[in-house]
C-alpha atoms as a PDB file:
ATOM      1  CA  MET A   1      -3.111   1.521   5.970  1.00  0.00           C
ATOM      2  CA  LYS A   2      -5.402   3.856   4.427  1.00  0.00           C
ATOM      3  CA  GLY A   3      -4.996   7.896   4.882  1.00  0.00           C
ATOM      4  CA  ILE A   4      -6.989   8.289   7.475  1.00  0.00           C
ATOM      5  CA  SER A   5      -4.572   5.971   9.881  1.00  0.00           C
ATOM      6  CA  HIS A   6      -1.625   7.037   8.932  1.00  0.00           C
ATOM      7  CA  PHE A   7      -2.778  11.201   9.558  1.00  0.00           C
ATOM      8  CA  ALA A   8      -4.181   9.849  12.767  1.00  0.00           C
ATOM      9  CA  THR A   9      -0.929   8.066  14.191  1.00  0.00           C
ATOM     10  CA  GLY A  10       1.029  11.104  12.775  1.00  0.00           C
ATOM     11  CA  VAL A  11      -1.480  13.718  15.038  1.00  0.00           C
ATOM     12  CA  ALA A  12      -0.818  10.760  17.961  1.00  0.00           C
ATOM     13  CA  LEU A  13       3.234  10.843  17.471  1.00  0.00           C
ATOM     14  CA  ALA A  14       3.081  14.620  17.936  1.00  0.00           C
ATOM     15  CA  THR A  15       1.485  14.621  21.147  1.00  0.00           C
ATOM     16  CA  PHE A  16       4.057  12.958  22.838  1.00  0.00           C
ATOM     17  CA  PHE A  17       5.684  15.988  23.165  1.00  0.00           C
ATOM     18  CA  PRO A  18       4.483  18.184  26.294  1.00  0.00           C
ATOM     19  CA  GLU A  19       5.743  21.402  24.342  1.00  0.00           C
ATOM     20  CA  ILE A  20       3.570  20.398  21.607  1.00  0.00           C
ATOM     21  CA  VAL A  21       0.540  20.351  23.582  1.00  0.00           C
ATOM     22  CA  GLN A  22       1.133  23.319  25.462  1.00  0.00           C
ATOM     23  CA  ALA A  23       1.032  25.091  21.804  1.00  0.00           C
ATOM     24  CA  ALA A  24      -1.852  23.014  21.022  1.00  0.00           C
ATOM     25  CA  ALA A  25      -3.976  24.720  24.347  1.00  0.00           C
ATOM     26  CA  GLU A  26      -2.235  28.018  23.106  1.00  0.00           C
ATOM     27  CA  GLY A  27      -4.013  27.744  19.580  1.00  0.00           C
ATOM     28  CA  SER A  28      -1.082  26.003  17.710  1.00  0.00           C
ATOM     29  CA  LEU A  29      -1.779  23.797  14.461  1.00  0.00           C
ATOM     30  CA  LEU A  30       1.789  21.800  15.252  1.00  0.00           C
ATOM     31  CA  PRO A  31       0.130  18.540  16.013  1.00  0.00           C
ATOM     32  CA  MET A  32      -1.601  18.682  12.378  1.00  0.00           C
ATOM     33  CA  LEU A  33       1.932  18.963  10.997  1.00  0.00           C
ATOM     34  CA  GLY A  34       2.587  15.334  12.300  1.00  0.00           C
ATOM     35  CA  GLY A  35      -0.609  14.427  10.518  1.00  0.00           C
ATOM     36  CA  VAL A  36       0.275  15.842   7.220  1.00  0.00           C
ATOM     37  CA  GLY A  37       3.451  14.285   7.348  1.00  0.00           C
ATOM     38  CA  GLY A  38       1.803  10.715   7.965  1.00  0.00           C
ATOM     39  CA  ILE A  39      -0.155  11.058   4.508  1.00  0.00           C
ATOM     40  CA  LEU A  40       2.529  12.506   2.289  1.00  0.00           C
ATOM     41  CA  PRO A  41       4.822   9.572   1.387  1.00  0.00           C
ATOM     42  CA  ASP A  42       1.526   7.799  -0.116  1.00  0.00           C
ATOM     43  CA  THR A  43       0.567  11.682  -1.605  1.00  0.00           C
ATOM     44  CA  LEU A  44       3.575  11.938  -3.346  1.00  0.00           C
ATOM     45  CA  ASP A  45       3.428   8.384  -4.667  1.00  0.00           C
ATOM     46  CA  PHE A  46      -0.150   9.227  -6.088  1.00  0.00           C
ATOM     47  CA  LYS A  47      -0.480  12.817  -6.938  1.00  0.00           C
ATOM     48  CA  PHE A  48       3.281  12.466  -8.976  1.00  0.00           C
ATOM     49  CA  ALA A  49       5.227   9.422  -8.451  1.00  0.00           C
ATOM     50  CA  ARG A  50       2.881   7.368 -10.702  1.00  0.00           C
ATOM     51  CA  TYR A  51       2.554   9.844 -13.643  1.00  0.00           C
ATOM     52  CA  PHE A  52       6.441  10.164 -14.463  1.00  0.00           C
ATOM     53  CA  GLU A  53       6.411   5.986 -14.736  1.00  0.00           C
ATOM     54  CA  LYS A  54       7.598   5.057 -18.235  1.00  0.00           C
ATOM     55  CA  TYR A  55       6.181   1.418 -19.747  1.00  0.00           C
ATOM     56  CA  ASP A  56       7.994  -0.810 -22.150  1.00  0.00           C
ATOM     57  CA  LEU A  57       4.637  -2.191 -22.675  1.00  0.00           C
ATOM     58  CA  GLU A  58       1.283  -1.567 -22.220  1.00  0.00           C
ATOM     59  CA  ILE A  59      -1.779  -4.020 -22.467  1.00  0.00           C
ATOM     60  CA  ASP A  60      -4.789  -2.702 -23.680  1.00  0.00           C
ATOM     61  CA  PRO A  61      -7.065  -5.811 -24.457  1.00  0.00           C
ATOM     62  CA  GLY A  62     -10.205  -3.882 -25.513  1.00  0.00           C
ATOM     63  CA  SER A  63     -13.743  -4.873 -25.376  1.00  0.00           C
ATOM     64  CA  ASP A  64     -13.540  -8.096 -26.252  1.00  0.00           C
ATOM     65  CA  PRO A  65     -10.543  -9.669 -24.695  1.00  0.00           C
ATOM     66  CA  ASP A  66      -8.081 -12.486 -26.286  1.00  0.00           C
ATOM     67  CA  PRO A  67      -6.343 -14.401 -23.356  1.00  0.00           C
ATOM     68  CA  GLU A  68      -3.916 -15.902 -25.354  1.00  0.00           C
ATOM     69  CA  ALA A  69      -2.880 -12.339 -27.122  1.00  0.00           C
ATOM     70  CA  ILE A  70      -2.512 -11.110 -23.151  1.00  0.00           C
ATOM     71  CA  ALA A  71      -0.786 -13.976 -22.358  1.00  0.00           C
ATOM     72  CA  ASP A  72       1.743 -13.839 -25.512  1.00  0.00           C
ATOM     73  CA  ALA A  73       2.457 -10.040 -24.364  1.00  0.00           C
ATOM     74  CA  LEU A  74       3.235 -10.609 -20.842  1.00  0.00           C
ATOM     75  CA  THR A  75       5.900 -13.719 -21.869  1.00  0.00           C
ATOM     76  CA  GLY A  76       6.981 -11.839 -24.358  1.00  0.00           C
ATOM     77  CA  ALA A  77       7.992  -9.116 -21.830  1.00  0.00           C
ATOM     78  CA  MET A  78       9.191 -11.227 -19.436  1.00  0.00           C
ATOM     79  CA  ARG A  79      11.737 -13.103 -21.786  1.00  0.00           C
ATOM     80  CA  ARG A  80      13.158 -10.087 -23.107  1.00  0.00           C
ATOM     81  CA  ALA A  81      13.551  -9.120 -19.189  1.00  0.00           C
ATOM     82  CA  TYR A  82      15.336 -12.415 -18.633  1.00  0.00           C
ATOM     83  CA  GLU A  83      17.054 -12.801 -21.827  1.00  0.00           C
ATOM     84  CA  GLU A  84      18.657  -9.143 -22.420  1.00  0.00           C
ATOM     85  CA  ASP A  85      18.849  -8.824 -18.588  1.00  0.00           C
ATOM     86  CA  LYS A  86      17.069  -5.431 -18.937  1.00  0.00           C
ATOM     87  CA  SER A  87      13.813  -4.786 -16.507  1.00  0.00           C
ATOM     88  CA  GLN A  88      10.464  -4.536 -18.133  1.00  0.00           C
ATOM     89  CA  ASN A  89       7.727  -2.187 -17.093  1.00  0.00           C
ATOM     90  CA  VAL A  90       4.380  -3.623 -17.915  1.00  0.00           C
ATOM     91  CA  MET A  91       0.963  -2.053 -17.512  1.00  0.00           C
ATOM     92  CA  ALA A  92      -2.121  -4.056 -17.871  1.00  0.00           C
ATOM     93  CA  HIS A  93      -5.162  -2.395 -18.607  1.00  0.00           C
ATOM     94  CA  THR A  94      -8.475  -2.525 -17.339  1.00  0.00           C
ATOM     95  CA  ILE A  95     -11.805  -3.184 -19.740  1.00  0.00           C
ATOM     96  CA  LYS A  96     -14.455  -0.359 -18.948  1.00  0.00           C
ATOM     97  CA  LEU A  97     -17.558  -1.340 -20.926  1.00  0.00           C
ATOM     98  CA  GLY A  98     -20.085   1.495 -19.441  1.00  0.00           C
ATOM     99  CA  ALA A  99     -20.515   3.725 -16.457  1.00  0.00           C
ATOM    100  CA  ASP A 100     -20.889   0.948 -13.994  1.00  0.00           C
ATOM    101  CA  LEU A 101     -19.657  -2.040 -16.151  1.00  0.00           C
ATOM    102  CA  TRP A 102     -16.090  -3.836 -16.550  1.00  0.00           C
ATOM    103  CA  ARG A 103     -14.701  -6.980 -17.876  1.00  0.00           C
ATOM    104  CA  GLU A 104     -13.065  -8.738 -15.640  1.00  0.00           C
ATOM    105  CA  TYR A 105      -9.992 -11.091 -16.392  1.00  0.00           C
ATOM    106  CA  ALA A 106      -6.966 -12.301 -14.098  1.00  0.00           C
ATOM    107  CA  ILE A 107      -3.031 -12.770 -14.289  1.00  0.00           C
ATOM    108  CA  ARG A 108      -1.405 -15.692 -12.917  1.00  0.00           C
ATOM    109  CA  PHE A 109       1.888 -16.498 -12.632  1.00  0.00           C
ATOM    110  CA  ASP A 110       2.980 -19.851 -11.432  1.00  0.00           C
ATOM    111  CA  PRO A 111       6.401 -20.210 -10.385  1.00  0.00           C
ATOM    112  CA  GLU A 112       6.403 -24.407  -9.464  1.00  0.00           C
ATOM    113  CA  SER A 113       5.391 -24.677 -13.292  1.00  0.00           C
ATOM    114  CA  GLY A 114       7.298 -21.790 -15.039  1.00  0.00           C
ATOM    115  CA  GLU A 115       3.960 -20.789 -16.617  1.00  0.00           C
ATOM    116  CA  VAL A 116       2.104 -17.660 -17.053  1.00  0.00           C
ATOM    117  CA  GLY A 117      -1.909 -17.833 -17.064  1.00  0.00           C
ATOM    118  CA  VAL A 118      -4.681 -15.497 -18.295  1.00  0.00           C
ATOM    119  CA  ARG A 119      -8.371 -16.349 -18.273  1.00  0.00           C
ATOM    120  CA  VAL A 120     -11.362 -13.969 -19.073  1.00  0.00           C
ATOM    121  CA  GLY A 121     -13.578 -13.592 -16.294  1.00  0.00           C
ATOM    122  CA  PRO A 122     -17.141 -12.083 -15.665  1.00  0.00           C
ATOM    123  CA  LEU A 123     -18.493  -8.933 -16.290  1.00  0.00           C
ATOM    124  CA  VAL A 124     -18.527  -6.911 -13.171  1.00  0.00           C
ATOM    125  CA  ASN A 125     -19.734  -3.584 -11.835  1.00  0.00           C
ATOM    126  CA  THR A 126     -17.888  -0.794  -9.839  1.00  0.00           C
ATOM    127  CA  GLY A 127     -18.372  -2.889  -6.445  1.00  0.00           C
ATOM    128  CA  GLN A 128     -16.530  -6.001  -8.127  1.00  0.00           C
ATOM    129  CA  VAL A 129     -19.828  -7.625  -7.879  1.00  0.00           C
ATOM    130  CA  PRO A 130     -19.803 -10.284 -10.724  1.00  0.00           C
ATOM    131  CA  LEU A 131     -23.165 -10.631 -13.149  1.00  0.00           C
ATOM    132  CA  PRO A 132     -24.445 -13.755 -12.927  1.00  0.00           C
ATOM    133  CA  GLY A 133     -24.359 -15.731 -16.304  1.00  0.00           C
ATOM    134  CA  SER A 134     -21.562 -13.101 -17.614  1.00  0.00           C
ATOM    135  CA  GLU A 135     -18.543 -15.614 -17.770  1.00  0.00           C
ATOM    136  CA  PRO A 136     -17.661 -15.814 -21.320  1.00  0.00           C
ATOM    137  CA  GLU A 137     -18.762 -19.551 -22.847  1.00  0.00           C
ATOM    138  CA  GLY A 138     -15.687 -21.583 -24.535  1.00  0.00           C
ATOM    139  CA  VAL A 139     -12.775 -19.673 -24.056  1.00  0.00           C
ATOM    140  CA  ALA A 140     -10.128 -21.415 -22.130  1.00  0.00           C
ATOM    141  CA  GLU A 141      -7.681 -20.235 -19.311  1.00  0.00           C
ATOM    142  CA  ALA A 142      -4.615 -19.199 -21.591  1.00  0.00           C
ATOM    143  CA  ARG A 143      -1.060 -20.446 -20.509  1.00  0.00           C
ATOM    144  CA  ARG A 144       2.459 -19.781 -21.659  1.00  0.00           C
ATOM    145  CA  LYS A 145       5.324 -21.906 -20.485  1.00  0.00           C
ATOM    146  CA  LEU A 146       8.343 -19.324 -19.499  1.00  0.00           C
ATOM    147  CA  GLY A 147      11.229 -22.076 -18.737  1.00  0.00           C
ATOM    148  CA  VAL A 148      12.812 -19.659 -16.139  1.00  0.00           C
ATOM    149  CA  PRO A 149      12.740 -19.729 -12.470  1.00  0.00           C
ATOM    150  CA  LEU A 150      10.100 -17.682 -11.360  1.00  0.00           C
ATOM    151  CA  VAL A 151       9.668 -15.383  -8.324  1.00  0.00           C
ATOM    152  CA  HIS A 152       6.464 -13.416  -7.231  1.00  0.00           C
ATOM    153  CA  THR A 153       7.017 -10.990  -4.562  1.00  0.00           C
ATOM    154  CA  TYR A 154       3.345 -10.202  -3.655  1.00  0.00           C
ATOM    155  CA  SER A 155       0.720 -12.107  -5.184  1.00  0.00           C
ATOM    156  CA  SER A 156       0.665 -15.473  -7.320  1.00  0.00           C
ATOM    157  CA  GLU A 157      -2.530 -14.014  -9.317  1.00  0.00           C
ATOM    158  CA  TYR A 158      -3.728 -10.787  -9.778  1.00  0.00           C
ATOM    159  CA  LYS A 159      -7.573  -9.905 -10.799  1.00  0.00           C
ATOM    160  CA  VAL A 160      -7.990  -6.617 -13.610  1.00  0.00           C
ATOM    161  CA  ASN A 161     -11.212  -5.174 -13.160  1.00  0.00           C
ATOM    162  CA  ILE A 162     -12.213  -1.752 -12.283  1.00  0.00           C
ATOM    163  CA  PHE A 163     -10.235   1.604 -12.282  1.00  0.00           C
ATOM    164  CA  SER A 164      -6.431   1.530 -13.224  1.00  0.00           C
ATOM    165  CA  GLY A 165      -5.230  -1.759 -13.919  1.00  0.00           C
ATOM    166  CA  PRO A 166      -2.226  -3.222 -12.051  1.00  0.00           C
ATOM    167  CA  SER A 167       1.404  -2.418 -12.846  1.00  0.00           C
ATOM    168  CA  PHE A 168       4.096  -4.891 -13.269  1.00  0.00           C
ATOM    169  CA  ARG A 169       8.068  -4.673 -13.298  1.00  0.00           C
ATOM    170  CA  PHE A 170       9.752  -7.884 -14.631  1.00  0.00           C
ATOM    171  CA  GLU A 171      13.467  -8.104 -13.687  1.00  0.00           C
ATOM    172  CA  ARG A 172      16.278 -10.707 -13.727  1.00  0.00           C
ATOM    173  CA  GLU A 173      18.284 -11.414 -10.620  1.00  0.00           C
ATOM    174  CA  GLY A 174      20.584 -13.755 -11.029  1.00  0.00           C
ATOM    175  CA  ASP A 175      19.016 -17.274 -12.744  1.00  0.00           C
ATOM    176  CA  GLN A 176      15.503 -15.694 -11.306  1.00  0.00           C
ATOM    177  CA  LEU A 177      13.224 -13.406 -13.174  1.00  0.00           C
ATOM    178  CA  TYR A 178      11.464 -11.271 -10.456  1.00  0.00           C
ATOM    179  CA  VAL A 179       7.930 -10.174 -10.878  1.00  0.00           C
ATOM    180  CA  HIS A 180       7.079  -6.692  -9.074  1.00  0.00           C
ATOM    181  CA  PHE A 181       4.109  -5.375  -8.456  1.00  0.00           C
ATOM    182  CA  LEU A 182       2.985  -1.476  -8.581  1.00  0.00           C
ATOM    183  CA  ASP A 183       6.886  -1.146  -8.725  1.00  0.00           C
ATOM    184  CA  TRP A 184       6.794   2.660  -8.241  1.00  0.00           C
ATOM    185  CA  HIS A 185       4.885   2.704  -5.590  1.00  0.00           C
ATOM    186  CA  ARG A 186       6.335   2.575  -2.211  1.00  0.00           C
ATOM    187  CA  ARG A 187       9.896   3.599  -3.300  1.00  0.00           C
ATOM    188  CA  TRP A 188      11.880   6.904  -2.860  1.00  0.00           C
ATOM    189  CA  SER A 189       8.720   8.238  -1.489  1.00  0.00           C
ATOM    190  CA  HIS A 190       8.803   5.514   1.510  1.00  0.00           C
ATOM    191  CA  SER A 191      12.558   6.496   2.877  1.00  0.00           C
ATOM    192  CA  LEU A 192      13.530   7.116   6.124  1.00  0.00           C
ATOM    193  CA  THR A 193      15.752   9.254   4.858  1.00  0.00           C
ATOM    194  CA  LEU A 194      13.158  11.256   2.901  1.00  0.00           C
ATOM    195  CA  ALA A 195      11.574  11.511   6.139  1.00  0.00           C
ATOM    196  CA  ALA A 196      14.522  12.939   8.057  1.00  0.00           C
ATOM    197  CA  VAL A 197      14.544  15.471   4.695  1.00  0.00           C
ATOM    198  CA  VAL A 198      10.698  16.479   4.744  1.00  0.00           C
ATOM    199  CA  GLY A 199      11.113  17.109   8.761  1.00  0.00           C
ATOM    200  CA  ALA A 200      14.271  19.334   8.034  1.00  0.00           C
ATOM    201  CA  LEU A 201      12.583  21.077   5.237  1.00  0.00           C
ATOM    202  CA  MET A 202       9.718  21.942   7.000  1.00  0.00           C
ATOM    203  CA  GLY A 203      11.719  23.179  10.031  1.00  0.00           C
ATOM    204  CA  LEU A 204      13.159  25.387   8.222  1.00  0.00           C
ATOM    205  CA  PHE A 205      10.068  26.711   6.260  1.00  0.00           C
ATOM    206  CA  VAL A 206       8.469  27.066   9.836  1.00  0.00           C
ATOM    207  CA  GLY A 207      11.241  28.793  11.218  1.00  0.00           C
ATOM    208  CA  LEU A 208      11.820  31.566   8.622  1.00  0.00           C
ATOM    209  CA  VAL A 209       8.181  32.356   9.330  1.00  0.00           C
ATOM    210  CA  ALA A 210       7.319  31.805  12.760  1.00  0.00           C
ATOM    211  CA  GLY A 211      10.628  31.712  14.517  1.00  0.00           C
ATOM    212  CA  TRP A 212      13.391  29.078  14.788  1.00  0.00           C
ATOM    213  CA  ASN A 213      11.493  27.271  18.139  1.00  0.00           C
ATOM    214  CA  THR A 214       8.236  27.001  16.399  1.00  0.00           C
ATOM    215  CA  GLY A 215      10.342  25.520  13.172  1.00  0.00           C
ATOM    216  CA  LEU A 216      12.114  22.696  15.192  1.00  0.00           C
ATOM    217  CA  TRP A 217       9.450  21.390  16.539  1.00  0.00           C
ATOM    218  CA  ALA A 218       7.462  21.813  13.324  1.00  0.00           C
ATOM    219  CA  GLY A 219      10.073  19.789  11.530  1.00  0.00           C
ATOM    220  CA  LEU A 220      10.325  17.340  14.275  1.00  0.00           C
ATOM    221  CA  VAL A 221       6.914  15.983  14.260  1.00  0.00           C
ATOM    222  CA  THR A 222       6.532  16.516  10.475  1.00  0.00           C
ATOM    223  CA  GLY A 223       9.309  13.976   9.803  1.00  0.00           C
ATOM    224  CA  LEU A 224       7.693  11.655  12.792  1.00  0.00           C
ATOM    225  CA  GLY A 225       4.495  11.348  10.910  1.00  0.00           C
ATOM    226  CA  PHE A 226       6.684  10.628   8.095  1.00  0.00           C
ATOM    227  CA  ALA A 227       8.820   8.427   9.683  1.00  0.00           C
ATOM    228  CA  GLY A 228       5.803   6.571  11.102  1.00  0.00           C
ATOM    229  CA  HIS A 229       3.777   6.026   7.759  1.00  0.00           C
ATOM    230  CA  VAL A 230       6.629   4.001   6.478  1.00  0.00           C
ATOM    231  CA  LEU A 231       6.905   1.981   9.283  1.00  0.00           C
ATOM    232  CA  GLU A 232       3.521   1.083   9.839  1.00  0.00           C
ATOM    233  CA  ASP A 233       3.590  -0.103   5.875  1.00  0.00           C
ATOM    234  CA  GLN A 234       6.368  -2.162   6.609  1.00  0.00           C
ATOM    235  CA  LEU A 235       3.951  -4.634   8.513  1.00  0.00           C
ATOM    236  CA  GLY A 236       2.553  -5.485   5.125  1.00  0.00           C
ATOM    237  CA  TYR A 237       3.692  -7.458   2.169  1.00  0.00           C
ATOM    238  CA  MET A 238       5.225  -4.759  -0.267  1.00  0.00           C
ATOM    239  CA  GLY A 239       7.562  -3.308   2.129  1.00  0.00           C
ATOM    240  CA  SER A 240       8.940   0.072   1.315  1.00  0.00           C
ATOM    241  CA  ASN A 241      12.694   1.529   0.075  1.00  0.00           C
ATOM    242  CA  LEU A 242      13.736   2.287   3.734  1.00  0.00           C
ATOM    243  CA  PHE A 243      17.116   3.995   2.920  1.00  0.00           C
ATOM    244  CA  TRP A 244      16.584   5.904  -0.520  1.00  0.00           C
ATOM    245  CA  PRO A 245      18.934   6.868  -1.751  1.00  0.00           C
ATOM    246  CA  PHE A 246      21.370   4.373  -0.288  1.00  0.00           C
ATOM    247  CA  THR A 247      19.212   1.822  -1.292  1.00  0.00           C
ATOM    248  CA  LYS A 248      17.667   1.133  -4.516  1.00  0.00           C
ATOM    249  CA  LYS A 249      14.856  -1.688  -3.837  1.00  0.00           C
ATOM    250  CA  ARG A 250      12.251  -2.012  -1.546  1.00  0.00           C
ATOM    251  CA  SER A 251      12.645  -3.896   1.582  1.00  0.00           C
ATOM    252  CA  PRO A 252      10.014  -6.795   2.297  1.00  0.00           C
ATOM    253  CA  GLY A 253       7.223  -6.384   4.818  1.00  0.00           C
ATOM    254  CA  LEU A 254       6.969  -8.765   7.558  1.00  0.00           C
ATOM    255  CA  LYS A 255       3.604  -9.943   6.248  1.00  0.00           C
ATOM    256  CA  LEU A 256       1.399  -9.152   9.039  1.00  0.00           C
ATOM    257  CA  VAL A 257      -1.089  -7.212   7.813  1.00  0.00           C
ATOM    258  CA  HIS A 258      -3.069  -5.723   4.508  1.00  0.00           C
ATOM    259  CA  SER A 259      -3.217  -1.948   3.756  1.00  0.00           C
ATOM    260  CA  GLY A 260      -6.935  -2.540   3.165  1.00  0.00           C
ATOM    261  CA  ASP A 261      -8.429  -4.855   6.277  1.00  0.00           C
ATOM    262  CA  ALA A 262     -10.904  -3.212   8.040  1.00  0.00           C
ATOM    263  CA  ILE A 263      -9.399  -4.168  11.674  1.00  0.00           C
ATOM    264  CA  PRO A 264      -6.151  -2.960  11.576  1.00  0.00           C
ATOM    265  CA  ASN A 265      -6.922   0.274  10.227  1.00  0.00           C
ATOM    266  CA  PHE A 266      -9.709   0.557  12.717  1.00  0.00           C
ATOM    267  CA  LEU A 267      -7.355  -0.477  15.744  1.00  0.00           C
ATOM    268  CA  THR A 268      -4.557   2.094  14.277  1.00  0.00           C
ATOM    269  CA  VAL A 269      -7.128   5.136  14.226  1.00  0.00           C
ATOM    270  CA  TRP A 270      -8.780   3.772  17.228  1.00  0.00           C
ATOM    271  CA  MET A 271      -5.753   3.475  19.425  1.00  0.00           C
ATOM    272  CA  SER A 272      -3.980   7.039  17.726  1.00  0.00           C
ATOM    273  CA  ALA A 273      -7.537   8.795  19.506  1.00  0.00           C
ATOM    274  CA  ALA A 274      -6.717   6.669  22.798  1.00  0.00           C
ATOM    275  CA  LEU A 275      -3.180   8.092  23.050  1.00  0.00           C
ATOM    276  CA  ILE A 276      -3.831  11.816  21.974  1.00  0.00           C
ATOM    277  CA  LEU A 277      -6.434  11.893  24.404  1.00  0.00           C
ATOM    278  CA  PHE A 278      -3.852  10.064  26.999  1.00  0.00           C
ATOM    279  CA  ASN A 279      -1.452  12.640  26.145  1.00  0.00           C
ATOM    280  CA  LEU A 280      -3.694  15.450  26.306  1.00  0.00           C
ATOM    281  CA  ASP A 281      -4.510  14.579  29.821  1.00  0.00           C
ATOM    282  CA  ARG A 282      -1.386  13.496  31.309  1.00  0.00           C
ATOM    283  CA  PHE A 283       0.449  17.126  29.954  1.00  0.00           C
ATOM    284  CA  SER A 284      -2.373  19.088  31.454  1.00  0.00           C
ATOM    285  CA  ALA A 285      -2.591  21.022  34.968  1.00  0.00           C
ATOM    286  CA  GLN A 286      -4.695  18.598  36.432  1.00  0.00           C
ATOM    287  CA  PRO A 287      -4.249  14.725  34.943  1.00  0.00           C
ATOM    288  CA  ARG A 288      -7.394  12.889  35.528  1.00  0.00           C
ATOM    289  CA  LEU A 289      -6.863   9.769  33.695  1.00  0.00           C
ATOM    290  CA  ASP A 290      -5.115   6.480  35.556  1.00  0.00           C
ATOM    291  CA  PRO A 291      -2.603   5.675  33.346  1.00  0.00           C
ATOM    292  CA  LEU A 292      -2.346   1.884  33.904  1.00  0.00           C
ATOM    293  CA  TRP A 293      -6.427   1.567  33.764  1.00  0.00           C
ATOM    294  CA  PHE A 294      -6.608   3.554  30.893  1.00  0.00           C
ATOM    295  CA  LEU A 295      -3.815   2.369  28.535  1.00  0.00           C
ATOM    296  CA  GLY A 296      -4.928  -1.256  29.672  1.00  0.00           C
ATOM    297  CA  LEU A 297      -8.354  -0.963  28.732  1.00  0.00           C
ATOM    298  CA  ALA A 298      -8.193   1.897  26.302  1.00  0.00           C
ATOM    299  CA  VAL A 299      -5.251   0.691  24.446  1.00  0.00           C
ATOM    300  CA  ALA A 300      -3.705  -2.862  25.321  1.00  0.00           C
ATOM    301  CA  LEU A 301      -7.485  -4.357  25.644  1.00  0.00           C
ATOM    302  CA  PRO A 302      -8.669  -3.398  21.962  1.00  0.00           C
ATOM    303  CA  LEU A 303      -5.298  -4.554  20.676  1.00  0.00           C
ATOM    304  CA  VAL A 304      -5.501  -8.076  21.984  1.00  0.00           C
ATOM    305  CA  VAL A 305      -8.886  -8.879  21.098  1.00  0.00           C
ATOM    306  CA  LEU A 306      -9.182  -6.931  17.944  1.00  0.00           C
ATOM    307  CA  GLY A 307      -5.899  -8.631  17.165  1.00  0.00           C
ATOM    308  CA  GLY A 308      -6.810 -11.876  17.985  1.00  0.00           C
ATOM    309  CA  ILE A 309      -9.741 -11.875  15.608  1.00  0.00           C
ATOM    310  CA  TYR A 310      -7.706 -10.406  13.004  1.00  0.00           C
ATOM    311  CA  PHE A 311      -5.211 -13.337  12.566  1.00  0.00           C
ATOM    312  CA  TRP A 312      -7.548 -15.981  13.868  1.00  0.00           C
ATOM    313  CA  GLN A 313      -9.565 -14.949  10.360  1.00  0.00           C
ATOM    314  CA  LYS A 314      -6.532 -14.528   8.295  1.00  0.00           C
ATOM    315  CA  SER A 315      -6.073 -17.810   9.021  1.00  0.00           C
ATOM    316  CA  ARG A 316      -9.246 -19.659   8.073  1.00  0.00           C
ATOM    317  CA  PRO A 317      -8.767 -21.291   5.044  1.00  0.00           C
ATOM    318  CA  ARG A 318     -11.108 -20.035   2.188  1.00  0.00           C
ATOM    319  CA  PRO A 319     -12.884 -21.973  -0.409  1.00  0.00           C
ATOM    320  CA  GLY A 320     -11.531 -22.603  -3.566  1.00  0.00           C
ATOM    321  CA  GLN A 321      -8.324 -20.349  -2.804  1.00  0.00           C
ATOM    322  CA  ASP A 322      -5.508 -20.625  -0.145  1.00  0.00           C
ATOM    323  CA  SER A 323      -6.278 -17.955   2.495  1.00  0.00           C
ATOM    324  CA  VAL A 324      -3.058 -15.842   2.371  1.00  0.00           C
ATOM    325  CA  GLU A 325      -3.476 -15.556  -1.549  1.00  0.00           C
ATOM    326  CA  ALA A 326      -7.143 -14.532  -0.897  1.00  0.00           C
ATOM    327  CA  GLN A 327      -5.938 -11.883   1.611  1.00  0.00           C
ATOM    328  CA  ARG A 328      -3.030 -11.093  -0.799  1.00  0.00           C
ATOM    329  CA  GLN A 329      -5.623 -10.444  -3.499  1.00  0.00           C
ATOM    330  CA  ALA A 330      -7.816  -8.531  -1.769  1.00  0.00           C
ATOM    331  CA  ASP A 331      -4.562  -5.986  -0.260  1.00  0.00           C
ATOM    332  CA  MET A 332      -3.872  -5.759  -4.071  1.00  0.00           C
ATOM    333  CA  ILE A 333      -7.397  -4.656  -5.216  1.00  0.00           C
ATOM    334  CA  ALA A 334      -7.064  -1.928  -2.381  1.00  0.00           C
ATOM    335  CA  GLU A 335      -3.823  -0.697  -3.646  1.00  0.00           C
ATOM    336  CA  THR A 336      -5.178  -0.766  -7.384  1.00  0.00           C
ATOM    337  CA  GLU A 337      -8.311   1.365  -6.052  1.00  0.00           C
ATOM    338  CA  GLU A 338      -6.418   3.723  -3.853  1.00  0.00           C
ATOM    339  CA  VAL A 339      -4.257   4.408  -6.785  1.00  0.00           C
ATOM    340  CA  GLU A 340      -7.227   5.387  -8.426  1.00  0.00           C
ATOM    341  CA  ILE A 341      -9.389   7.497  -6.005  1.00  0.00           C
ATOM    342  CA  ALA A 342      -6.375   9.080  -4.935  1.00  0.00           C
END
C-alpha cells in the first residue's frame, strides 16, 4: 500500500476508541498519531535502512550496456553464494542517459532451466514509455547456466529502467539458491514486535510531556497504526519480518494485492474515511447514521464491487506475459519508484 493508505488506516484505527474521539473533539491531535504510526515503517526503511545496506557487488552497466558482462557478474555472485554458502548482496544500477531518458535492461531468473538471462531493452522516459525504434539491433539475450536449483521469492523478471535500480540478495538454503528482492525492505522495520516498542516509547514521551493518561492513549494508537501497516503489507507478495528480533526473515505475504495497484489503495482510503465518519458519529451525543445501512452501503458494497473488479482484472491473461508475473513486475516497479521518491 502507498503512504496515504497506511496513514488513513492508522487514523481510522484510532477512532475506534471513544476516548480518542472525545479528545479529538476537544482539540487533541491523538488520532493523527495513528496516522504517524501508519507511515513510520516505510519511513524507517526509505529514509534510514537502505542507506546502511552494504553490497558485495554493484553492477554499473555504463552508457553502452553489455548483457554478457551483466550476466557474468550476476552468475558469479550467485555461484559464490551457493558454493561458499555466503549470501551475496547485489545492486543493479540504472542507465540514465539524460534528464528524461533511460536505457532499460531486464534481468530474468528461470528456475525451470536454472538459467540467468539479461537483455538490453529500449530507451524509455521517466514515465517508462519506450521510444519507438530504440531497441538495440543485433543484441541477443545473454544466458548463463547456473546449474543449481533456483527459487525466486518475488518475480522471475525485473526491468531495470528508471530511478534507483533493484537490489537482490542471493542466499543458499539447503540445496536451493534463493533470490530475494529488495532485501533491506520490510525487515526489522516491519515487525509487530517493533510496533509494541514504538507504541511504548511514544506513550512514555507523551506521558512525560502531557500526562500519563494522554500518554497511554498516544502509545496505543501509535502502536496500532504501526501494526496496521505491517498487517496490510502482508496482503501482498513481499511479506514482512513479523516478529523481529525473534525472527530473522520475512514471512511470505498472502499474495492478494499489489502495493502500487490503484483499486486496493483507493478502497483502503475510502473505507478508512467511511469508518472515521462512522466512529465520529456513533461516539457523538446524537448519532445520526444507521449502522446497518451505512456500513452496508459505504463499506461492504464498495469492497465487494471494487474488490470483485480488481480480482477479475488480475485474473485476466495478458498478451505476451503471464498475468501474475505482469502484476508482480508492475509491483516491483512501484516498489523501486517508491524507494527513489521517498
